[in-house]
Amino acid sequence: MPHAVILDAQSLGPEINLAAIKETVSNLEVFEQSTTQQARERLANADVAIVNKVVLDAETLQQLPKLRLICVLATGLNNIDLESAKEHNIEVKNVAAYGTASVSQHTLMLMLALANRLPQYQRDVAAGEWQRSAFFCLQDYPTLQLAGKQLVMVGQGELGTEVARLAEAFGMQVTFAARPGKEANDKRPALDDLLPDADVISLHCPLSEATKHLINRERLTRAKNSLLLVNCARGGVIDEVAALEALRSGKLGGLGVDVLPAEPPRDGHPLLDALSEPLNLIVTPHNAWITPEARQNIVSLTANNILEWKGAQ
């Protein structure tokens, strides 16, 4: 039975049961947080490293001759030096589709809130505008009825497919765009062809060379001024500065993001600064995935990864 170490259990949030993982190993050491330097010490006797966002670079991995498996408590592997892991015969496993219901729910929440101009109307109510109104309601900001509107999806994996299903329940017309950078060999229409008619764009693709600033200043000039843009994928898939400029100038109808290029944004970000402005803007703290069900599912899937690895030994 292998010895396992969780380096950043706190990333799973409160009230998560680790029993499924404990049953797969001889001993499980749990650390709430770890730096990369601490990881070198804490993994010295580990066969299995369980990690969410702690960076395990080449220098670290070469100091861990006993390590044989890295289980990432997420889908992204950018914090692991994969080449070094391969060189040292360390298998790397991640978890996928653990939060489909959670993230799709969050995506629709952003879409609905932007469509109904919730940030702006909430601001006006808090400022007393409704109380002072000569009429029984406020109508200063045009809302968007989603029924019949065109939703363009970038990313047709399990998450994108579920978001599309939910959007269709609101009567939206959903079209999936071709994979960025692979349009020539993709039967789906290119994003550039779909862009002029899009009422909403929802991003569910990984960050890569092909998707970095996929939604940029030039593409925004060819979109409807009423376009709603939602990013629950990765920061940097949109050019956030260009999107903010478009929002301020009335060239973008609404912007909702759950991700930023640097997380946590310790040095700030223009979108965070803009939250004090009367814009149709929502920024959530990368928490689309955090329902208790999704977080517990990560534990179950990680336990399965350990069992599969053990079975292959």
Protein backbone atom coordinates (compact mmCIF):
# COMPACT_ATOMS: atom_id res chain seq x y z
CA MET A 1 0.00 0.00 0.00
CA PRO A 2 1.48 3.36 -1.00
CA HIS A 3 2.16 6.31 1.26
CA ALA A 4 0.37 9.47 0.09
CA VAL A 5 0.62 13.17 0.92
CA ILE A 6 -1.93 15.88 0.19
CA LEU A 7 -0.09 19.18 -0.13
CA ASP A 8 -2.96 21.70 -0.27
CA ALA A 9 -6.08 20.11 1.17
CA GLN A 10 -7.48 23.54 2.02
CA SER A 11 -8.09 24.08 -1.70
CA LEU A 12 -10.90 21.52 -1.48
CA GLY A 13 -12.78 23.74 0.94
CA PRO A 14 -14.58 22.91 4.18
CA GLU A 15 -16.40 19.73 5.18
CA ILE A 16 -14.91 17.40 2.58
CA ASN A 17 -14.56 13.71 3.48
CA LEU A 18 -11.22 12.20 2.46
CA ALA A 19 -12.21 8.64 3.39
CA ALA A 20 -12.26 7.40 -0.21
CA ILE A 21 -8.60 8.38 -0.66
CA LYS A 22 -7.56 7.05 2.74
CA GLU A 23 -8.91 3.62 1.84
CA THR A 24 -6.56 3.38 -1.15
CA VAL A 25 -3.28 4.08 0.69
CA SER A 26 -1.42 2.82 3.74
CA ASN A 27 -1.03 6.29 5.20
CA LEU A 28 -2.32 9.70 4.20
CA GLU A 29 -0.58 12.84 5.43
CA VAL A 30 -2.69 15.95 5.04
CA PHE A 31 -1.28 19.47 4.81
CA GLU A 32 -3.63 22.41 4.45
CA GLN A 33 -1.17 24.47 2.40
CA SER A 34 2.34 24.00 1.06
CA THR A 35 4.93 25.98 -0.82
CA THR A 36 7.06 24.33 -3.47
CA GLN A 37 9.98 24.30 -1.03
CA GLN A 38 7.83 22.65 1.64
CA ALA A 39 6.62 20.13 -0.93
CA ARG A 40 10.19 18.87 -1.37
CA GLU A 41 10.39 18.10 2.32
CA ARG A 42 6.87 16.76 2.76
CA LEU A 43 7.05 14.42 -0.23
CA ALA A 44 10.43 12.93 0.69
CA ASN A 45 8.91 9.59 1.70
CA ALA A 46 5.77 9.70 -0.45
CA ASP A 47 4.84 7.32 -3.24
CA VAL A 48 1.85 9.46 -4.16
CA ALA A 49 1.61 13.26 -4.21
CA ILE A 50 -1.90 14.72 -4.18
CA VAL A 51 -1.90 18.35 -5.20
CA ASN A 52 -4.16 21.04 -6.56
CA LYS A 53 -2.18 24.19 -7.30
CA VAL A 54 1.24 23.68 -5.65
CA VAL A 55 3.95 23.92 -8.30
CA LEU A 56 5.98 20.73 -8.69
CA ASP A 57 8.80 21.82 -10.96
CA ALA A 58 11.75 19.91 -12.39
CA GLU A 59 14.03 20.83 -9.50
CA THR A 60 11.49 19.49 -7.03
CA LEU A 61 10.75 16.25 -8.87
CA GLN A 62 14.38 15.33 -9.27
CA GLN A 63 14.74 15.43 -5.48
CA LEU A 64 11.94 12.90 -4.96
CA PRO A 65 13.26 9.48 -6.10
CA LYS A 66 10.51 7.57 -4.27
CA LEU A 67 7.62 9.46 -5.87
CA ARG A 68 5.70 7.41 -8.46
CA LEU A 69 2.35 9.13 -8.87
CA ILE A 70 1.04 12.69 -8.86
CA CYS A 71 -2.71 13.09 -8.52
CA VAL A 72 -3.90 16.58 -9.43
CA LEU A 73 -7.13 17.63 -7.73
CA ALA A 74 -8.18 19.53 -10.85
CA THR A 75 -8.20 19.27 -14.63
CA GLY A 76 -5.34 21.64 -15.41
CA LEU A 77 -1.77 20.33 -15.23
CA ASN A 78 0.13 23.58 -15.76
CA ASN A 79 1.62 23.46 -12.23
CA ILE A 80 3.36 20.13 -12.93
CA ASP A 81 6.55 19.82 -15.00
CA LEU A 82 5.24 16.99 -17.15
CA GLU A 83 8.48 16.42 -19.02
CA SER A 84 10.40 16.05 -15.79
CA ALA A 85 7.74 13.73 -14.38
CA LYS A 86 8.02 11.51 -17.44
CA GLU A 87 11.80 11.55 -17.22
CA HIS A 88 11.61 10.32 -13.62
CA ASN A 89 8.91 7.70 -14.35
CA ILE A 90 6.30 9.58 -12.32
CA GLU A 91 2.78 9.10 -13.62
CA VAL A 92 0.50 12.14 -13.55
CA LYS A 93 -3.28 11.84 -13.31
CA ASN A 94 -5.89 14.59 -13.17
CA VAL A 95 -9.65 14.69 -12.69
CA ALA A 96 -12.13 15.84 -15.29
CA ALA A 97 -15.86 16.52 -15.44
CA TYR A 98 -16.09 16.58 -11.65
CA GLY A 99 -17.97 19.87 -11.60
CA THR A 100 -20.07 19.79 -14.75
CA ALA A 101 -23.33 20.57 -12.95
CA SER A 102 -21.70 23.16 -10.71
CA VAL A 103 -19.86 25.09 -13.45
CA SER A 104 -22.73 24.95 -15.92
CA GLN A 105 -25.07 26.31 -13.24
CA HIS A 106 -22.62 29.15 -12.56
CA THR A 107 -22.30 29.87 -16.28
CA LEU A 108 -26.06 30.20 -16.67
CA MET A 109 -26.16 32.39 -13.56
CA LEU A 110 -23.71 34.82 -15.18
CA MET A 111 -25.60 34.70 -18.46
CA LEU A 112 -28.97 35.37 -16.83
CA ALA A 113 -27.64 38.11 -14.57
CA LEU A 114 -26.02 39.92 -17.49
CA ALA A 115 -29.09 39.51 -19.67
CA ASN A 116 -31.22 41.15 -16.98
CA ARG A 117 -28.61 43.84 -16.21
CA LEU A 118 -28.55 42.74 -12.59
CA PRO A 119 -25.31 44.56 -11.66
CA GLN A 120 -26.68 47.90 -12.83
CA TYR A 121 -30.19 47.56 -11.43
CA GLN A 122 -28.88 46.35 -8.08
CA ARG A 123 -26.57 49.35 -7.95
CA ASP A 124 -29.45 51.73 -8.71
CA VAL A 125 -31.73 50.17 -6.09
CA ALA A 126 -28.97 50.42 -3.49
CA ALA A 127 -28.47 54.08 -4.45
CA GLY A 128 -32.17 54.87 -3.94
CA GLU A 129 -33.08 55.31 -7.61
CA TRP A 130 -36.18 53.08 -7.37
CA GLN A 131 -37.35 54.85 -4.23
CA ARG A 132 -37.15 58.22 -6.02
CA SER A 133 -38.65 57.00 -9.29
CA ALA A 134 -41.76 58.74 -10.61
CA PHE A 135 -42.83 55.41 -12.12
CA PHE A 136 -43.39 51.99 -10.52
CA CYS A 137 -40.32 50.37 -12.11
CA LEU A 138 -36.87 51.24 -13.44
CA GLN A 139 -36.22 50.76 -17.15
CA ASP A 140 -32.94 52.55 -17.67
CA TYR A 141 -31.03 49.54 -18.98
CA PRO A 142 -32.35 47.36 -21.83
CA THR A 143 -32.60 43.71 -20.80
CA LEU A 144 -32.17 40.76 -23.15
CA GLN A 145 -34.78 38.02 -23.51
CA LEU A 146 -32.75 34.85 -24.06
CA ALA A 147 -35.50 32.96 -25.89
CA GLY A 148 -34.70 32.95 -29.59
CA LYS A 149 -31.26 34.48 -29.14
CA GLN A 150 -28.06 33.08 -30.63
CA LEU A 151 -25.62 31.46 -28.19
CA VAL A 152 -22.17 30.66 -29.58
CA MET A 153 -20.25 28.08 -27.58
CA VAL A 154 -16.48 27.65 -27.79
CA GLY A 155 -15.76 24.19 -26.40
CA GLN A 156 -17.96 21.14 -26.91
CA GLY A 157 -16.74 18.90 -24.12
CA GLU A 158 -18.94 17.60 -21.35
CA LEU A 159 -19.22 21.03 -19.74
CA GLY A 160 -19.96 22.91 -22.94
CA THR A 161 -22.56 20.33 -23.91
CA GLU A 162 -24.34 20.70 -20.56
CA VAL A 163 -24.33 24.51 -20.76
CA ALA A 164 -25.86 24.20 -24.22
CA ARG A 165 -28.58 21.89 -22.90
CA LEU A 166 -29.49 24.34 -20.15
CA ALA A 167 -29.46 27.28 -22.56
CA GLU A 168 -31.79 25.45 -24.92
CA ALA A 169 -34.24 25.11 -22.02
CA PHE A 170 -34.46 28.92 -22.12
CA GLY A 171 -35.22 28.75 -25.83
CA MET A 172 -31.79 29.82 -27.07
CA GLN A 173 -30.42 28.78 -30.44
CA VAL A 174 -27.05 27.16 -29.72
CA THR A 175 -24.18 26.75 -32.17
CA PHE A 176 -20.77 25.30 -31.36
CA ALA A 177 -17.79 26.98 -32.99
CA ALA A 178 -14.95 25.06 -34.57
CA ARG A 179 -11.93 24.33 -32.42
CA PRO A 180 -9.71 27.42 -32.51
CA GLY A 181 -6.67 26.84 -34.70
CA LYS A 182 -8.22 23.69 -36.25
CA GLU A 183 -10.95 25.31 -38.33
CA ALA A 184 -9.74 23.80 -41.63
CA ASN A 185 -10.42 20.27 -40.41
CA ASP A 186 -13.54 21.01 -38.39
CA LYS A 187 -17.06 20.69 -39.79
CA ARG A 188 -18.40 23.21 -37.30
CA PRO A 189 -18.50 26.88 -38.37
CA ALA A 190 -15.58 29.12 -37.44
CA LEU A 191 -15.98 31.60 -34.60
CA ASP A 192 -15.37 34.48 -37.01
CA ASP A 193 -18.33 33.36 -39.13
CA LEU A 194 -20.61 33.10 -36.10
CA LEU A 195 -19.47 36.27 -34.38
CA PRO A 196 -21.63 38.92 -36.15
CA ASP A 197 -24.90 37.17 -35.26
CA ALA A 198 -23.99 36.08 -31.73
CA ASP A 199 -26.06 37.43 -28.86
CA VAL A 200 -24.09 35.53 -26.22
CA ILE A 201 -20.67 33.87 -26.34
CA SER A 202 -19.73 31.35 -23.65
CA LEU A 203 -16.16 30.07 -23.42
CA HIS A 204 -15.36 26.53 -22.27
CA CYS A 205 -11.98 25.84 -23.88
CA PRO A 206 -8.48 25.41 -22.47
CA LEU A 207 -5.94 28.22 -22.61
CA SER A 208 -3.43 27.55 -25.36
CA GLU A 209 -1.52 29.40 -28.04
CA ALA A 210 -4.61 29.08 -30.24
CA THR A 211 -7.02 30.41 -27.62
CA LYS A 212 -4.97 33.13 -25.90
CA HIS A 213 -6.92 36.37 -26.43
CA LEU A 214 -9.34 34.47 -28.65
CA ILE A 215 -11.83 37.26 -27.94
CA ASN A 216 -9.73 40.29 -28.74
CA ARG A 217 -10.19 43.92 -29.72
CA GLU A 218 -10.53 43.16 -33.43
CA ARG A 219 -13.18 40.48 -32.94
CA LEU A 220 -15.13 42.66 -30.54
CA THR A 221 -15.41 45.36 -33.21
CA ARG A 222 -17.24 42.84 -35.42
CA ALA A 223 -19.67 41.72 -32.72
CA LYS A 224 -23.03 43.21 -31.80
CA ASN A 225 -22.86 46.09 -29.32
CA SER A 226 -25.32 44.10 -27.21
CA LEU A 227 -23.16 40.95 -27.06
CA LEU A 228 -22.91 39.23 -23.69
CA LEU A 229 -19.56 37.56 -23.07
CA VAL A 230 -19.10 34.85 -20.42
CA ASN A 231 -15.77 33.25 -19.51
CA CYS A 232 -15.75 30.31 -17.12
CA ALA A 233 -12.76 28.74 -18.87
CA ARG A 234 -9.37 30.33 -18.20
CA GLY A 235 -8.19 33.89 -17.75
CA GLY A 236 -6.53 35.17 -20.90
CA VAL A 237 -8.89 33.43 -23.32
CA ILE A 238 -10.34 36.89 -23.67
CA ASP A 239 -8.32 40.09 -23.78
CA GLU A 240 -9.83 41.47 -20.58
CA VAL A 241 -8.52 44.99 -21.15
CA ALA A 242 -10.01 45.15 -24.65
CA ALA A 243 -13.31 43.74 -23.37
CA LEU A 244 -13.42 46.33 -20.60
CA GLU A 245 -12.78 49.14 -23.07
CA ALA A 246 -15.62 47.84 -25.24
CA LEU A 247 -17.92 47.61 -22.22
CA ARG A 248 -17.15 51.17 -21.15
CA SER A 249 -17.72 52.54 -24.64
CA GLY A 250 -21.01 50.71 -25.19
CA LYS A 251 -19.53 48.30 -27.72
CA LEU A 252 -20.16 45.27 -25.48
CA GLY A 253 -23.44 44.55 -23.70
CA GLY A 254 -22.12 42.65 -20.72
CA LEU A 255 -19.10 40.79 -19.38
CA GLY A 256 -19.07 37.99 -16.81
CA VAL A 257 -15.87 36.19 -15.82
CA ASP A 258 -15.04 33.60 -13.21
CA VAL A 259 -11.35 33.56 -14.09
CA LEU A 260 -8.45 35.99 -14.41
CA PRO A 261 -4.94 35.48 -15.86
CA ALA A 262 -3.29 35.52 -12.41
CA GLU A 263 -5.11 33.91 -9.48
CA PRO A 264 -5.42 35.09 -6.84
CA PRO A 265 -5.00 38.55 -8.42
CA ARG A 266 -2.67 39.89 -5.72
CA ASP A 267 -1.46 42.72 -7.94
CA GLY A 268 -5.00 43.69 -8.87
CA HIS A 269 -6.60 43.69 -12.31
CA PRO A 270 -8.43 46.29 -14.41
CA LEU A 271 -11.70 44.31 -14.18
CA LEU A 272 -11.56 44.42 -10.39
CA ASP A 273 -10.97 48.16 -10.45
CA ALA A 274 -13.95 48.57 -12.80
CA LEU A 275 -16.38 46.90 -10.40
CA SER A 276 -16.94 50.31 -8.80
CA GLU A 277 -18.20 51.66 -12.13
CA PRO A 278 -21.85 51.45 -13.29
CA LEU A 279 -21.15 48.67 -15.81
CA ASN A 280 -22.87 45.41 -16.71
CA LEU A 281 -19.88 43.56 -15.28
CA ILE A 282 -19.60 40.54 -13.00
CA VAL A 283 -16.37 39.07 -11.66
CA THR A 284 -16.58 35.94 -9.50
CA PRO A 285 -13.54 34.49 -7.68
CA HIS A 286 -12.98 31.28 -9.68
CA ASN A 287 -15.70 29.58 -7.65
CA ALA A 288 -17.94 28.13 -10.35
CA TRP A 289 -16.75 24.67 -9.31
CA ILE A 290 -17.19 24.87 -5.53
CA THR A 291 -20.51 23.21 -4.80
CA PRO A 292 -20.04 20.56 -2.09
CA GLU A 293 -21.10 17.88 -4.57
CA ALA A 294 -18.40 18.86 -7.06
CA ARG A 295 -15.68 19.08 -4.43
CA GLN A 296 -16.58 15.68 -3.00
CA ASN A 297 -16.57 14.26 -6.51
CA ILE A 298 -12.93 15.34 -6.85
CA VAL A 299 -12.07 13.09 -3.90
CA SER A 300 -13.90 10.12 -5.42
CA LEU A 301 -12.26 10.56 -8.81
CA THR A 302 -8.83 10.94 -7.22
CA ALA A 303 -9.37 7.71 -5.26
CA ASN A 304 -10.25 6.01 -8.54
CA ASN A 305 -7.04 7.35 -10.11
CA ILE A 306 -4.98 5.84 -7.29
CA LEU A 307 -6.78 2.50 -7.60
CA GLU A 308 -6.21 2.42 -11.36
CA TRP A 309 -2.53 3.20 -10.87
CA LYS A 310 -2.17 0.49 -8.25
CA GLY A 311 -3.90 -2.02 -10.50
CA ALA A 312 -1.41 -1.30 -13.28
CA GLN A 313 1.64 -1.87 -11.06
